[in-house]
């Protein structure tokens, strides 16, 4: 499987994993990076919202972004668990 992944994973992603391999478990690393990117996304949308001269709009942008990303990640986790369950128990 690792040889297969070497063919399609970009060198930048490989280098990031290599850089953090000594600090963190590579299996948990994507979850931490995803959370960090959710926060960065919300902060950047807050600054975009501030350009509208209204902090309420900026707050709505950032909260909406966090809620959208959170709902999407929960949905993906649920689908992953259902896939594992069906694979283990042979249920369609």
C-alpha atoms as a PDB file:
ATOM      1  CA  UNK A   1       0.000   0.000   0.000  1.00  0.00           C
ATOM      2  CA  UNK A   2       2.799   2.469   0.743  1.00  0.00           C
ATOM      3  CA  UNK A   3       4.302   2.044  -2.718  1.00  0.00           C
ATOM      4  CA  UNK A   4       0.883   2.792  -4.190  1.00  0.00           C
ATOM      5  CA  UNK A   5       0.588   5.955  -2.086  1.00  0.00           C
ATOM      6  CA  UNK A   6       4.028   7.123  -3.195  1.00  0.00           C
ATOM      7  CA  UNK A   7       2.706   7.470  -6.744  1.00  0.00           C
ATOM      8  CA  UNK A   8      -0.128   9.895  -6.021  1.00  0.00           C
ATOM      9  CA  UNK A   9       0.785  11.746  -2.812  1.00  0.00           C
ATOM     10  CA  UNK A  10       2.474  15.085  -3.630  1.00  0.00           C
ATOM     11  CA  UNK A  11       6.009  15.719  -2.381  1.00  0.00           C
ATOM     12  CA  UNK A  12       4.777  18.618  -0.238  1.00  0.00           C
ATOM     13  CA  UNK A  13       2.408  16.375   1.719  1.00  0.00           C
ATOM     14  CA  UNK A  14       5.151  13.778   2.162  1.00  0.00           C
ATOM     15  CA  UNK A  15       7.552  16.409   3.457  1.00  0.00           C
ATOM     16  CA  UNK A  16       4.992  17.744   5.966  1.00  0.00           C
ATOM     17  CA  UNK A  17       4.384  14.234   7.303  1.00  0.00           C
ATOM     18  CA  UNK A  18       8.125  13.652   7.481  1.00  0.00           C
ATOM     19  CA  UNK A  19       8.683  16.920   9.353  1.00  0.00           C
ATOM     20  CA  UNK A  20       6.071  16.127  12.005  1.00  0.00           C
ATOM     21  CA  UNK A  21       6.717  12.373  12.275  1.00  0.00           C
ATOM     22  CA  UNK A  22       9.034  12.847  15.242  1.00  0.00           C
ATOM     23  CA  UNK A  23       6.601  15.091  17.093  1.00  0.00           C
ATOM     24  CA  UNK A  24       3.261  13.368  16.525  1.00  0.00           C
ATOM     25  CA  UNK A  25       1.777  10.018  15.582  1.00  0.00           C
ATOM     26  CA  UNK A  26       1.256  10.070  11.777  1.00  0.00           C
ATOM     27  CA  UNK A  27      -2.203   8.525  12.181  1.00  0.00           C
ATOM     28  CA  UNK A  28      -3.382  11.420  14.397  1.00  0.00           C
ATOM     29  CA  UNK A  29      -1.637  14.109  12.365  1.00  0.00           C
ATOM     30  CA  UNK A  30      -4.434  14.612   9.771  1.00  0.00           C
ATOM     31  CA  UNK A  31      -6.982  15.212  12.539  1.00  0.00           C
ATOM     32  CA  UNK A  32      -4.803  17.891  14.129  1.00  0.00           C
ATOM     33  CA  UNK A  33      -4.084  19.543  10.779  1.00  0.00           C
ATOM     34  CA  UNK A  34      -7.798  19.511   9.914  1.00  0.00           C
ATOM     35  CA  UNK A  35      -8.678  21.237  13.182  1.00  0.00           C
ATOM     36  CA  UNK A  36      -5.930  23.804  12.654  1.00  0.00           C
ATOM     37  CA  UNK A  37      -7.173  24.504   9.117  1.00  0.00           C
ATOM     38  CA  UNK A  38     -10.758  24.897  10.390  1.00  0.00           C
ATOM     39  CA  UNK A  39      -9.580  27.598  12.778  1.00  0.00           C
ATOM     40  CA  UNK A  40      -7.450  29.346  10.141  1.00  0.00           C
ATOM     41  CA  UNK A  41     -10.408  29.275   7.744  1.00  0.00           C
ATOM     42  CA  UNK A  42     -12.704  30.869  10.331  1.00  0.00           C
ATOM     43  CA  UNK A  43     -10.148  33.562  11.199  1.00  0.00           C
ATOM     44  CA  UNK A  44      -9.614  34.456   7.552  1.00  0.00           C
ATOM     45  CA  UNK A  45     -13.363  34.634   6.947  1.00  0.00           C
ATOM     46  CA  UNK A  46     -13.671  36.866   9.999  1.00  0.00           C
ATOM     47  CA  UNK A  47     -11.155  39.275   8.464  1.00  0.00           C
ATOM     48  CA  UNK A  48     -13.022  39.161   5.158  1.00  0.00           C
ATOM     49  CA  UNK A  49     -16.239  39.935   7.046  1.00  0.00           C
ATOM     50  CA  UNK A  50     -14.525  42.865   8.779  1.00  0.00           C
ATOM     51  CA  UNK A  51     -14.034  44.415   5.354  1.00  0.00           C
ATOM     52  CA  UNK A  52     -17.833  44.934   5.294  1.00  0.00           C
ATOM     53  CA  UNK A  53     -17.472  47.438   8.189  1.00  0.00           C
ATOM     54  CA  UNK A  54     -19.548  45.276  10.481  1.00  0.00           C
ATOM     55  CA  UNK A  55     -18.217  42.945  13.175  1.00  0.00           C
ATOM     56  CA  UNK A  56     -21.555  41.115  13.301  1.00  0.00           C
ATOM     57  CA  UNK A  57     -21.191  40.124   9.647  1.00  0.00           C
ATOM     58  CA  UNK A  58     -17.626  39.036  10.287  1.00  0.00           C
ATOM     59  CA  UNK A  59     -18.724  36.938  13.246  1.00  0.00           C
ATOM     60  CA  UNK A  60     -21.456  35.328  11.145  1.00  0.00           C
ATOM     61  CA  UNK A  61     -18.905  34.466   8.449  1.00  0.00           C
ATOM     62  CA  UNK A  62     -16.555  32.804  10.905  1.00  0.00           C
ATOM     63  CA  UNK A  63     -19.257  30.936  12.885  1.00  0.00           C
ATOM     64  CA  UNK A  64     -20.888  29.782   9.657  1.00  0.00           C
ATOM     65  CA  UNK A  65     -17.556  28.485   8.419  1.00  0.00           C
ATOM     66  CA  UNK A  66     -16.856  26.599  11.642  1.00  0.00           C
ATOM     67  CA  UNK A  67     -20.350  25.073  11.712  1.00  0.00           C
ATOM     68  CA  UNK A  68     -20.159  24.031   8.063  1.00  0.00           C
ATOM     69  CA  UNK A  69     -16.747  22.420   8.548  1.00  0.00           C
ATOM     70  CA  UNK A  70     -17.813  20.741  11.775  1.00  0.00           C
ATOM     71  CA  UNK A  71     -20.974  19.294  10.227  1.00  0.00           C
ATOM     72  CA  UNK A  72     -19.009  18.070   7.218  1.00  0.00           C
ATOM     73  CA  UNK A  73     -16.370  16.373   9.368  1.00  0.00           C
ATOM     74  CA  UNK A  74     -19.016  14.702  11.558  1.00  0.00           C
ATOM     75  CA  UNK A  75     -20.776  13.445   8.432  1.00  0.00           C
ATOM     76  CA  UNK A  76     -17.524  12.060   7.046  1.00  0.00           C
ATOM     77  CA  UNK A  77     -16.716  10.351  10.366  1.00  0.00           C
ATOM     78  CA  UNK A  78     -20.193   8.796  10.463  1.00  0.00           C
ATOM     79  CA  UNK A  79     -19.793   7.477   6.909  1.00  0.00           C
ATOM     80  CA  UNK A  80     -16.381   6.079   7.817  1.00  0.00           C
ATOM     81  CA  UNK A  81     -17.781   4.270  10.865  1.00  0.00           C
ATOM     82  CA  UNK A  82     -20.652   2.832   8.836  1.00  0.00           C
ATOM     83  CA  UNK A  83     -18.221   1.643   6.189  1.00  0.00           C
ATOM     84  CA  UNK A  84     -16.038  -0.059   8.810  1.00  0.00           C
ATOM     85  CA  UNK A  85     -19.072  -1.660  10.438  1.00  0.00           C
ATOM     86  CA  UNK A  86     -20.370  -3.028   7.153  1.00  0.00           C
ATOM     87  CA  UNK A  87     -16.915  -4.337   6.269  1.00  0.00           C
ATOM     88  CA  UNK A  88     -16.494  -6.072   9.640  1.00  0.00           C
ATOM     89  CA  UNK A  89     -19.984  -7.538   9.932  1.00  0.00           C
ATOM     90  CA  UNK A  90     -20.675  -8.023   6.240  1.00  0.00           C
ATOM     91  CA  UNK A  91     -23.821  -5.908   6.384  1.00  0.00           C
ATOM     92  CA  UNK A  92     -24.704  -3.838   3.340  1.00  0.00           C
END
